[in-house]
Amino acid sequence: MVEGTIADRTTQIMKNIGKILKAAGSSLENVVKISVFITDMHDFATMNEAYMRAFDKGVKPVRTCVAVKELPQGTDVEMEATAHL
């Protein structure tokens, strides 16, 4: 778990997704949908800034953002990506 802000954790999540996609022969450019789960919608703008840095080129994927009561291991953000290989 990355210490710091929701932006720090969002940045790490995007790096992790990028590494997983690279290992599968794909990249963040091939992401078609991201589902974001956050525990406090007041953190949306901060999370969104970090998220947008990961998709600074081309068409951005479709995104859903849902506020949830709790997430595993006490984190405040979790993401799920769908991409084509």
PDB file of N, CA and C in Angstrom:
ATOM      1  N   MET A   1       0.850  -1.176   0.000  1.00  0.00           N
ATOM      2  CA  MET A   1       0.000   0.000   0.000  1.00  0.00           C
ATOM      3  C   MET A   1       0.895   1.238   0.000  1.00  0.00           C
ATOM      4  N   VAL A   2       0.626   2.145  -0.885  1.00  0.00           N
ATOM      5  CA  VAL A   2       1.409   3.365  -0.998  1.00  0.00           C
ATOM      6  C   VAL A   2       0.942   4.365   0.054  1.00  0.00           C
ATOM      7  N   GLU A   3       1.892   4.867   0.834  1.00  0.00           N
ATOM      8  CA  GLU A   3       1.585   5.920   1.805  1.00  0.00           C
ATOM      9  C   GLU A   3       1.423   7.237   1.056  1.00  0.00           C
ATOM     10  N   GLY A   4       0.737   8.184   1.656  1.00  0.00           N
ATOM     11  CA  GLY A   4       0.584   9.500   1.050  1.00  0.00           C
ATOM     12  C   GLY A   4      -0.867   9.813   0.762  1.00  0.00           C
ATOM     13  N   THR A   5      -1.087  10.461  -0.373  1.00  0.00           N
ATOM     14  CA  THR A   5      -2.420  10.950  -0.725  1.00  0.00           C
ATOM     15  C   THR A   5      -3.120   9.999  -1.689  1.00  0.00           C
ATOM     16  N   ILE A   6      -4.377  10.275  -1.935  1.00  0.00           N
ATOM     17  CA  ILE A   6      -5.115   9.493  -2.920  1.00  0.00           C
ATOM     18  C   ILE A   6      -4.480   9.655  -4.306  1.00  0.00           C
ATOM     19  N   ALA A   7      -3.875  10.804  -4.569  1.00  0.00           N
ATOM     20  CA  ALA A   7      -3.163  11.006  -5.843  1.00  0.00           C
ATOM     21  C   ALA A   7      -1.967  10.062  -5.941  1.00  0.00           C
ATOM     22  N   ASP A   8      -1.238   9.897  -4.838  1.00  0.00           N
ATOM     23  CA  ASP A   8      -0.096   8.978  -4.826  1.00  0.00           C
ATOM     24  C   ASP A   8      -0.546   7.546  -5.107  1.00  0.00           C
ATOM     25  N   ARG A   9      -1.638   7.146  -4.488  1.00  0.00           N
ATOM     26  CA  ARG A   9      -2.140   5.782  -4.695  1.00  0.00           C
ATOM     27  C   ARG A   9      -2.711   5.615  -6.107  1.00  0.00           C
ATOM     28  N   THR A  10      -3.363   6.630  -6.629  1.00  0.00           N
ATOM     29  CA  THR A  10      -3.882   6.575  -7.998  1.00  0.00           C
ATOM     30  C   THR A  10      -2.739   6.446  -8.990  1.00  0.00           C
ATOM     31  N   THR A  11      -1.681   7.221  -8.798  1.00  0.00           N
ATOM     32  CA  THR A  11      -0.505   7.143  -9.673  1.00  0.00           C
ATOM     33  C   THR A  11       0.081   5.740  -9.651  1.00  0.00           C
ATOM     34  N   GLN A  12       0.202   5.146  -8.466  1.00  0.00           N
ATOM     35  CA  GLN A  12       0.753   3.797  -8.361  1.00  0.00           C
ATOM     36  C   GLN A  12      -0.167   2.771  -9.018  1.00  0.00           C
ATOM     37  N   ILE A  13      -1.464   2.925  -8.833  1.00  0.00           N
ATOM     38  CA  ILE A  13      -2.418   2.014  -9.472  1.00  0.00           C
ATOM     39  C   ILE A  13      -2.245   2.056 -10.988  1.00  0.00           C
ATOM     40  N   MET A  14      -2.140   3.259 -11.539  1.00  0.00           N
ATOM     41  CA  MET A  14      -1.998   3.388 -12.984  1.00  0.00           C
ATOM     42  C   MET A  14      -0.679   2.775 -13.457  1.00  0.00           C
ATOM     43  N   LYS A  15       0.387   2.946 -12.689  1.00  0.00           N
ATOM     44  CA  LYS A  15       1.662   2.303 -13.034  1.00  0.00           C
ATOM     45  C   LYS A  15       1.511   0.785 -13.011  1.00  0.00           C
ATOM     46  N   ASN A  16       0.832   0.270 -11.993  1.00  0.00           N
ATOM     47  CA  ASN A  16       0.629  -1.181 -11.881  1.00  0.00           C
ATOM     48  C   ASN A  16      -0.180  -1.716 -13.062  1.00  0.00           C
ATOM     49  N   ILE A  17      -1.244  -1.015 -13.405  1.00  0.00           N
ATOM     50  CA  ILE A  17      -2.060  -1.436 -14.548  1.00  0.00           C
ATOM     51  C   ILE A  17      -1.213  -1.412 -15.820  1.00  0.00           C
ATOM     52  N   GLY A  18      -0.417  -0.374 -15.981  1.00  0.00           N
ATOM     53  CA  GLY A  18       0.456  -0.273 -17.144  1.00  0.00           C
ATOM     54  C   GLY A  18       1.436  -1.435 -17.233  1.00  0.00           C
ATOM     55  N   LYS A  19       2.011  -1.829 -16.100  1.00  0.00           N
ATOM     56  CA  LYS A  19       2.962  -2.951 -16.082  1.00  0.00           C
ATOM     57  C   LYS A  19       2.258  -4.273 -16.421  1.00  0.00           C
ATOM     58  N   ILE A  20       1.073  -4.465 -15.894  1.00  0.00           N
ATOM     59  CA  ILE A  20       0.304  -5.683 -16.189  1.00  0.00           C
ATOM     60  C   ILE A  20      -0.011  -5.746 -17.686  1.00  0.00           C
ATOM     61  N   LEU A  21      -0.449  -4.623 -18.237  1.00  0.00           N
ATOM     62  CA  LEU A  21      -0.767  -4.588 -19.659  1.00  0.00           C
ATOM     63  C   LEU A  21       0.468  -4.816 -20.519  1.00  0.00           C
ATOM     64  N   LYS A  22       1.586  -4.224 -20.129  1.00  0.00           N
ATOM     65  CA  LYS A  22       2.834  -4.419 -20.881  1.00  0.00           C
ATOM     66  C   LYS A  22       3.223  -5.894 -20.888  1.00  0.00           C
ATOM     67  N   ALA A  23       3.097  -6.556 -19.740  1.00  0.00           N
ATOM     68  CA  ALA A  23       3.429  -7.985 -19.648  1.00  0.00           C
ATOM     69  C   ALA A  23       2.526  -8.826 -20.547  1.00  0.00           C
ATOM     70  N   ALA A  24       1.322  -8.330 -20.804  1.00  0.00           N
ATOM     71  CA  ALA A  24       0.373  -9.042 -21.665  1.00  0.00           C
ATOM     72  C   ALA A  24       0.495  -8.617 -23.127  1.00  0.00           C
ATOM     73  N   GLY A  25       1.463  -7.741 -23.420  1.00  0.00           N
ATOM     74  CA  GLY A  25       1.661  -7.282 -24.787  1.00  0.00           C
ATOM     75  C   GLY A  25       0.774  -6.119 -25.180  1.00  0.00           C
ATOM     76  N   SER A  26       0.273  -5.376 -24.215  1.00  0.00           N
ATOM     77  CA  SER A  26      -0.618  -4.249 -24.466  1.00  0.00           C
ATOM     78  C   SER A  26      -0.055  -3.010 -23.775  1.00  0.00           C
ATOM     79  N   SER A  27      -0.886  -1.990 -23.613  1.00  0.00           N
ATOM     80  CA  SER A  27      -0.451  -0.763 -22.939  1.00  0.00           C
ATOM     81  C   SER A  27      -1.673   0.028 -22.465  1.00  0.00           C
ATOM     82  N   LEU A  28      -1.417   1.091 -21.731  1.00  0.00           N
ATOM     83  CA  LEU A  28      -2.505   1.954 -21.273  1.00  0.00           C
ATOM     84  C   LEU A  28      -3.268   2.560 -22.446  1.00  0.00           C
ATOM     85  N   GLU A  29      -2.612   2.706 -23.586  1.00  0.00           N
ATOM     86  CA  GLU A  29      -3.287   3.252 -24.769  1.00  0.00           C
ATOM     87  C   GLU A  29      -4.429   2.354 -25.243  1.00  0.00           C
ATOM     88  N   ASN A  30      -4.417   1.083 -24.816  1.00  0.00           N
ATOM     89  CA  ASN A  30      -5.444   0.131 -25.239  1.00  0.00           C
ATOM     90  C   ASN A  30      -6.550  -0.062 -24.197  1.00  0.00           C
ATOM     91  N   VAL A  31      -6.526   0.729 -23.140  1.00  0.00           N
ATOM     92  CA  VAL A  31      -7.582   0.646 -22.125  1.00  0.00           C
ATOM     93  C   VAL A  31      -8.859   1.232 -22.706  1.00  0.00           C
ATOM     94  N   VAL A  32      -9.943   0.500 -22.581  1.00  0.00           N
ATOM     95  CA  VAL A  32     -11.223   0.983 -23.095  1.00  0.00           C
ATOM     96  C   VAL A  32     -12.168   1.427 -21.981  1.00  0.00           C
ATOM     97  N   LYS A  33     -11.952   0.914 -20.765  1.00  0.00           N
ATOM     98  CA  LYS A  33     -12.822   1.289 -19.645  1.00  0.00           C
ATOM     99  C   LYS A  33     -12.073   1.163 -18.325  1.00  0.00           C
ATOM    100  N   ILE A  34     -12.297   2.108 -17.450  1.00  0.00           N
ATOM    101  CA  ILE A  34     -11.767   2.084 -16.089  1.00  0.00           C
ATOM    102  C   ILE A  34     -12.936   2.251 -15.124  1.00  0.00           C
ATOM    103  N   SER A  35     -12.974   1.410 -14.119  1.00  0.00           N
ATOM    104  CA  SER A  35     -13.928   1.571 -13.021  1.00  0.00           C
ATOM    105  C   SER A  35     -13.128   2.032 -11.805  1.00  0.00           C
ATOM    106  N   VAL A  36     -13.557   3.132 -11.221  1.00  0.00           N
ATOM    107  CA  VAL A  36     -12.878   3.712 -10.060  1.00  0.00           C
ATOM    108  C   VAL A  36     -13.815   3.611  -8.864  1.00  0.00           C
ATOM    109  N   PHE A  37     -13.278   3.155  -7.760  1.00  0.00           N
ATOM    110  CA  PHE A  37     -14.028   3.068  -6.512  1.00  0.00           C
ATOM    111  C   PHE A  37     -13.279   3.910  -5.483  1.00  0.00           C
ATOM    112  N   ILE A  38     -13.949   4.905  -4.906  1.00  0.00           N
ATOM    113  CA  ILE A  38     -13.334   5.745  -3.878  1.00  0.00           C
ATOM    114  C   ILE A  38     -14.251   5.820  -2.666  1.00  0.00           C
ATOM    115  N   THR A  39     -13.638   6.019  -1.513  1.00  0.00           N
ATOM    116  CA  THR A  39     -14.424   6.037  -0.281  1.00  0.00           C
ATOM    117  C   THR A  39     -14.972   7.414   0.073  1.00  0.00           C
ATOM    118  N   ASP A  40     -14.509   8.455  -0.613  1.00  0.00           N
ATOM    119  CA  ASP A  40     -14.982   9.808  -0.313  1.00  0.00           C
ATOM    120  C   ASP A  40     -14.995  10.625  -1.603  1.00  0.00           C
ATOM    121  N   MET A  41     -16.170  11.015  -2.065  1.00  0.00           N
ATOM    122  CA  MET A  41     -16.272  11.778  -3.314  1.00  0.00           C
ATOM    123  C   MET A  41     -15.604  13.144  -3.220  1.00  0.00           C
ATOM    124  N   HIS A  42     -15.317  13.611  -2.026  1.00  0.00           N
ATOM    125  CA  HIS A  42     -14.565  14.855  -1.881  1.00  0.00           C
ATOM    126  C   HIS A  42     -13.147  14.694  -2.422  1.00  0.00           C
ATOM    127  N   ASP A  43     -12.672  13.461  -2.548  1.00  0.00           N
ATOM    128  CA  ASP A  43     -11.332  13.179  -3.080  1.00  0.00           C
ATOM    129  C   ASP A  43     -11.322  13.029  -4.596  1.00  0.00           C
ATOM    130  N   PHE A  44     -12.478  13.175  -5.240  1.00  0.00           N
ATOM    131  CA  PHE A  44     -12.559  12.939  -6.678  1.00  0.00           C
ATOM    132  C   PHE A  44     -11.602  13.827  -7.468  1.00  0.00           C
ATOM    133  N   ALA A  45     -11.581  15.118  -7.212  1.00  0.00           N
ATOM    134  CA  ALA A  45     -10.743  16.037  -7.996  1.00  0.00           C
ATOM    135  C   ALA A  45      -9.266  15.677  -7.878  1.00  0.00           C
ATOM    136  N   THR A  46      -8.817  15.349  -6.678  1.00  0.00           N
ATOM    137  CA  THR A  46      -7.413  14.978  -6.467  1.00  0.00           C
ATOM    138  C   THR A  46      -7.087  13.681  -7.187  1.00  0.00           C
ATOM    139  N   MET A  47      -7.969  12.695  -7.064  1.00  0.00           N
ATOM    140  CA  MET A  47      -7.773  11.424  -7.773  1.00  0.00           C
ATOM    141  C   MET A  47      -7.779  11.663  -9.274  1.00  0.00           C
ATOM    142  N   ASN A  48      -8.700  12.490  -9.742  1.00  0.00           N
ATOM    143  CA  ASN A  48      -8.860  12.732 -11.173  1.00  0.00           C
ATOM    144  C   ASN A  48      -7.624  13.367 -11.795  1.00  0.00           C
ATOM    145  N   GLU A  49      -6.970  14.270 -11.087  1.00  0.00           N
ATOM    146  CA  GLU A  49      -5.745  14.889 -11.606  1.00  0.00           C
ATOM    147  C   GLU A  49      -4.680  13.833 -11.877  1.00  0.00           C
ATOM    148  N   ALA A  50      -4.479  12.937 -10.927  1.00  0.00           N
ATOM    149  CA  ALA A  50      -3.489  11.866 -11.105  1.00  0.00           C
ATOM    150  C   ALA A  50      -3.922  10.913 -12.216  1.00  0.00           C
ATOM    151  N   TYR A  51      -5.186  10.586 -12.255  1.00  0.00           N
ATOM    152  CA  TYR A  51      -5.734   9.703 -13.285  1.00  0.00           C
ATOM    153  C   TYR A  51      -5.497  10.285 -14.678  1.00  0.00           C
ATOM    154  N   MET A  52      -5.790  11.577 -14.849  1.00  0.00           N
ATOM    155  CA  MET A  52      -5.663  12.225 -16.153  1.00  0.00           C
ATOM    156  C   MET A  52      -4.212  12.253 -16.642  1.00  0.00           C
ATOM    157  N   ARG A  53      -3.252  12.308 -15.734  1.00  0.00           N
ATOM    158  CA  ARG A  53      -1.840  12.274 -16.139  1.00  0.00           C
ATOM    159  C   ARG A  53      -1.492  10.949 -16.812  1.00  0.00           C
ATOM    160  N   ALA A  54      -2.139   9.876 -16.412  1.00  0.00           N
ATOM    161  CA  ALA A  54      -1.868   8.564 -17.001  1.00  0.00           C
ATOM    162  C   ALA A  54      -2.416   8.466 -18.419  1.00  0.00           C
ATOM    163  N   PHE A  55      -3.420   9.248 -18.726  1.00  0.00           N
ATOM    164  CA  PHE A  55      -4.047   9.222 -20.046  1.00  0.00           C
ATOM    165  C   PHE A  55      -3.914  10.593 -20.700  1.00  0.00           C
ATOM    166  N   ASP A  56      -2.680  11.063 -20.837  1.00  0.00           N
ATOM    167  CA  ASP A  56      -2.447  12.408 -21.357  1.00  0.00           C
ATOM    168  C   ASP A  56      -2.408  12.470 -22.878  1.00  0.00           C
ATOM    169  N   LYS A  57      -2.498  11.319 -23.559  1.00  0.00           N
ATOM    170  CA  LYS A  57      -2.451  11.291 -25.023  1.00  0.00           C
ATOM    171  C   LYS A  57      -3.664  10.556 -25.564  1.00  0.00           C
ATOM    172  N   GLY A  58      -4.146  11.021 -26.702  1.00  0.00           N
ATOM    173  CA  GLY A  58      -5.191  10.292 -27.407  1.00  0.00           C
ATOM    174  C   GLY A  58      -6.540  10.297 -26.704  1.00  0.00           C
ATOM    175  N   VAL A  59      -7.359   9.363 -27.116  1.00  0.00           N
ATOM    176  CA  VAL A  59      -8.709   9.230 -26.587  1.00  0.00           C
ATOM    177  C   VAL A  59      -8.651   8.580 -25.211  1.00  0.00           C
ATOM    178  N   LYS A  60      -9.347   9.164 -24.277  1.00  0.00           N
ATOM    179  CA  LYS A  60      -9.383   8.623 -22.915  1.00  0.00           C
ATOM    180  C   LYS A  60     -10.434   7.511 -22.836  1.00  0.00           C
ATOM    181  N   PRO A  61     -10.171   6.511 -22.000  1.00  0.00           N
ATOM    182  CA  PRO A  61     -11.146   5.428 -21.870  1.00  0.00           C
ATOM    183  C   PRO A  61     -12.425   5.892 -21.174  1.00  0.00           C
ATOM    184  N   VAL A  62     -13.479   5.150 -21.392  1.00  0.00           N
ATOM    185  CA  VAL A  62     -14.723   5.364 -20.652  1.00  0.00           C
ATOM    186  C   VAL A  62     -14.430   5.143 -19.174  1.00  0.00           C
ATOM    187  N   ARG A  63     -15.064   5.907 -18.310  1.00  0.00           N
ATOM    188  CA  ARG A  63     -14.789   5.751 -16.880  1.00  0.00           C
ATOM    189  C   ARG A  63     -16.078   5.797 -16.079  1.00  0.00           C
ATOM    190  N   THR A  64     -16.100   4.966 -15.056  1.00  0.00           N
ATOM    191  CA  THR A  64     -17.155   4.989 -14.050  1.00  0.00           C
ATOM    192  C   THR A  64     -16.473   5.254 -12.714  1.00  0.00           C
ATOM    193  N   CYS A  65     -17.046   6.135 -11.905  1.00  0.00           N
ATOM    194  CA  CYS A  65     -16.521   6.378 -10.565  1.00  0.00           C
ATOM    195  C   CYS A  65     -17.662   6.199  -9.569  1.00  0.00           C
ATOM    196  N   VAL A  66     -17.414   5.336  -8.595  1.00  0.00           N
ATOM    197  CA  VAL A  66     -18.443   5.005  -7.618  1.00  0.00           C
ATOM    198  C   VAL A  66     -17.895   5.237  -6.211  1.00  0.00           C
ATOM    199  N   ALA A  67     -18.681   5.900  -5.374  1.00  0.00           N
ATOM    200  CA  ALA A  67     -18.318   6.051  -3.968  1.00  0.00           C
ATOM    201  C   ALA A  67     -18.777   4.797  -3.224  1.00  0.00           C
ATOM    202  N   VAL A  68     -17.880   4.260  -2.415  1.00  0.00           N
ATOM    203  CA  VAL A  68     -18.183   3.053  -1.642  1.00  0.00           C
ATOM    204  C   VAL A  68     -17.881   3.316  -0.174  1.00  0.00           C
ATOM    205  N   LYS A  69     -18.478   2.521   0.682  1.00  0.00           N
ATOM    206  CA  LYS A  69     -18.285   2.695   2.121  1.00  0.00           C
ATOM    207  C   LYS A  69     -16.873   2.322   2.552  1.00  0.00           C
ATOM    208  N   GLU A  70     -16.382   1.170   2.073  1.00  0.00           N
ATOM    209  CA  GLU A  70     -15.058   0.688   2.462  1.00  0.00           C
ATOM    210  C   GLU A  70     -14.410  -0.043   1.295  1.00  0.00           C
ATOM    211  N   LEU A  71     -13.072  -0.095   1.340  1.00  0.00           N
ATOM    212  CA  LEU A  71     -12.301  -0.876   0.373  1.00  0.00           C
ATOM    213  C   LEU A  71     -11.329  -1.769   1.137  1.00  0.00           C
ATOM    214  N   PRO A  72     -10.878  -2.839   0.513  1.00  0.00           N
ATOM    215  CA  PRO A  72      -9.952  -3.762   1.178  1.00  0.00           C
ATOM    216  C   PRO A  72      -8.690  -3.060   1.685  1.00  0.00           C
ATOM    217  N   GLN A  73      -8.183  -3.554   2.780  1.00  0.00           N
ATOM    218  CA  GLN A  73      -6.946  -3.081   3.409  1.00  0.00           C
ATOM    219  C   GLN A  73      -6.978  -1.600   3.774  1.00  0.00           C
ATOM    220  N   GLY A  74      -8.173  -1.035   3.896  1.00  0.00           N
ATOM    221  CA  GLY A  74      -8.312   0.344   4.350  1.00  0.00           C
ATOM    222  C   GLY A  74      -7.924   1.403   3.339  1.00  0.00           C
ATOM    223  N   THR A  75      -7.755   1.026   2.080  1.00  0.00           N
ATOM    224  CA  THR A  75      -7.390   2.029   1.077  1.00  0.00           C
ATOM    225  C   THR A  75      -8.583   2.914   0.748  1.00  0.00           C
ATOM    226  N   ASP A  76      -8.310   4.019   0.069  1.00  0.00           N
ATOM    227  CA  ASP A  76      -9.378   4.948  -0.294  1.00  0.00           C
ATOM    228  C   ASP A  76      -9.659   4.960  -1.792  1.00  0.00           C
ATOM    229  N   VAL A  77      -8.907   4.172  -2.557  1.00  0.00           N
ATOM    230  CA  VAL A  77      -9.128   4.108  -4.003  1.00  0.00           C
ATOM    231  C   VAL A  77      -8.769   2.729  -4.533  1.00  0.00           C
ATOM    232  N   GLU A  78      -9.580   2.276  -5.464  1.00  0.00           N
ATOM    233  CA  GLU A  78      -9.318   1.001  -6.152  1.00  0.00           C
ATOM    234  C   GLU A  78      -9.797   1.185  -7.590  1.00  0.00           C
ATOM    235  N   MET A  79      -9.086   0.566  -8.529  1.00  0.00           N
ATOM    236  CA  MET A  79      -9.454   0.687  -9.942  1.00  0.00           C
ATOM    237  C   MET A  79      -9.432  -0.663 -10.618  1.00  0.00           C
ATOM    238  N   GLU A  80     -10.268  -0.758 -11.637  1.00  0.00           N
ATOM    239  CA  GLU A  80     -10.355  -1.962 -12.462  1.00  0.00           C
ATOM    240  C   GLU A  80     -10.304  -1.490 -13.916  1.00  0.00           C
ATOM    241  N   ALA A  81      -9.440  -2.118 -14.719  1.00  0.00           N
ATOM    242  CA  ALA A  81      -9.282  -1.718 -16.116  1.00  0.00           C
ATOM    243  C   ALA A  81      -9.683  -2.843 -17.053  1.00  0.00           C
ATOM    244  N   THR A  82     -10.258  -2.442 -18.180  1.00  0.00           N
ATOM    245  CA  THR A  82     -10.536  -3.366 -19.273  1.00  0.00           C
ATOM    246  C   THR A  82      -9.805  -2.819 -20.490  1.00  0.00           C
ATOM    247  N   ALA A  83      -8.995  -3.672 -21.120  1.00  0.00           N
ATOM    248  CA  ALA A  83      -8.215  -3.253 -22.276  1.00  0.00           C
ATOM    249  C   ALA A  83      -8.221  -4.337 -23.337  1.00  0.00           C
ATOM    250  N   HIS A  84      -7.967  -3.933 -24.565  1.00  0.00           N
ATOM    251  CA  HIS A  84      -7.811  -4.952 -25.606  1.00  0.00           C
ATOM    252  C   HIS A  84      -6.320  -5.220 -25.786  1.00  0.00           C
ATOM    253  N   LEU A  85      -6.040  -6.460 -26.111  1.00  0.00           N
ATOM    254  CA  LEU A  85      -4.646  -6.865 -26.273  1.00  0.00           C
ATOM    255  C   LEU A  85      -4.283  -6.751 -27.731  1.00  0.00           C
TER     256      LEU A  85
END
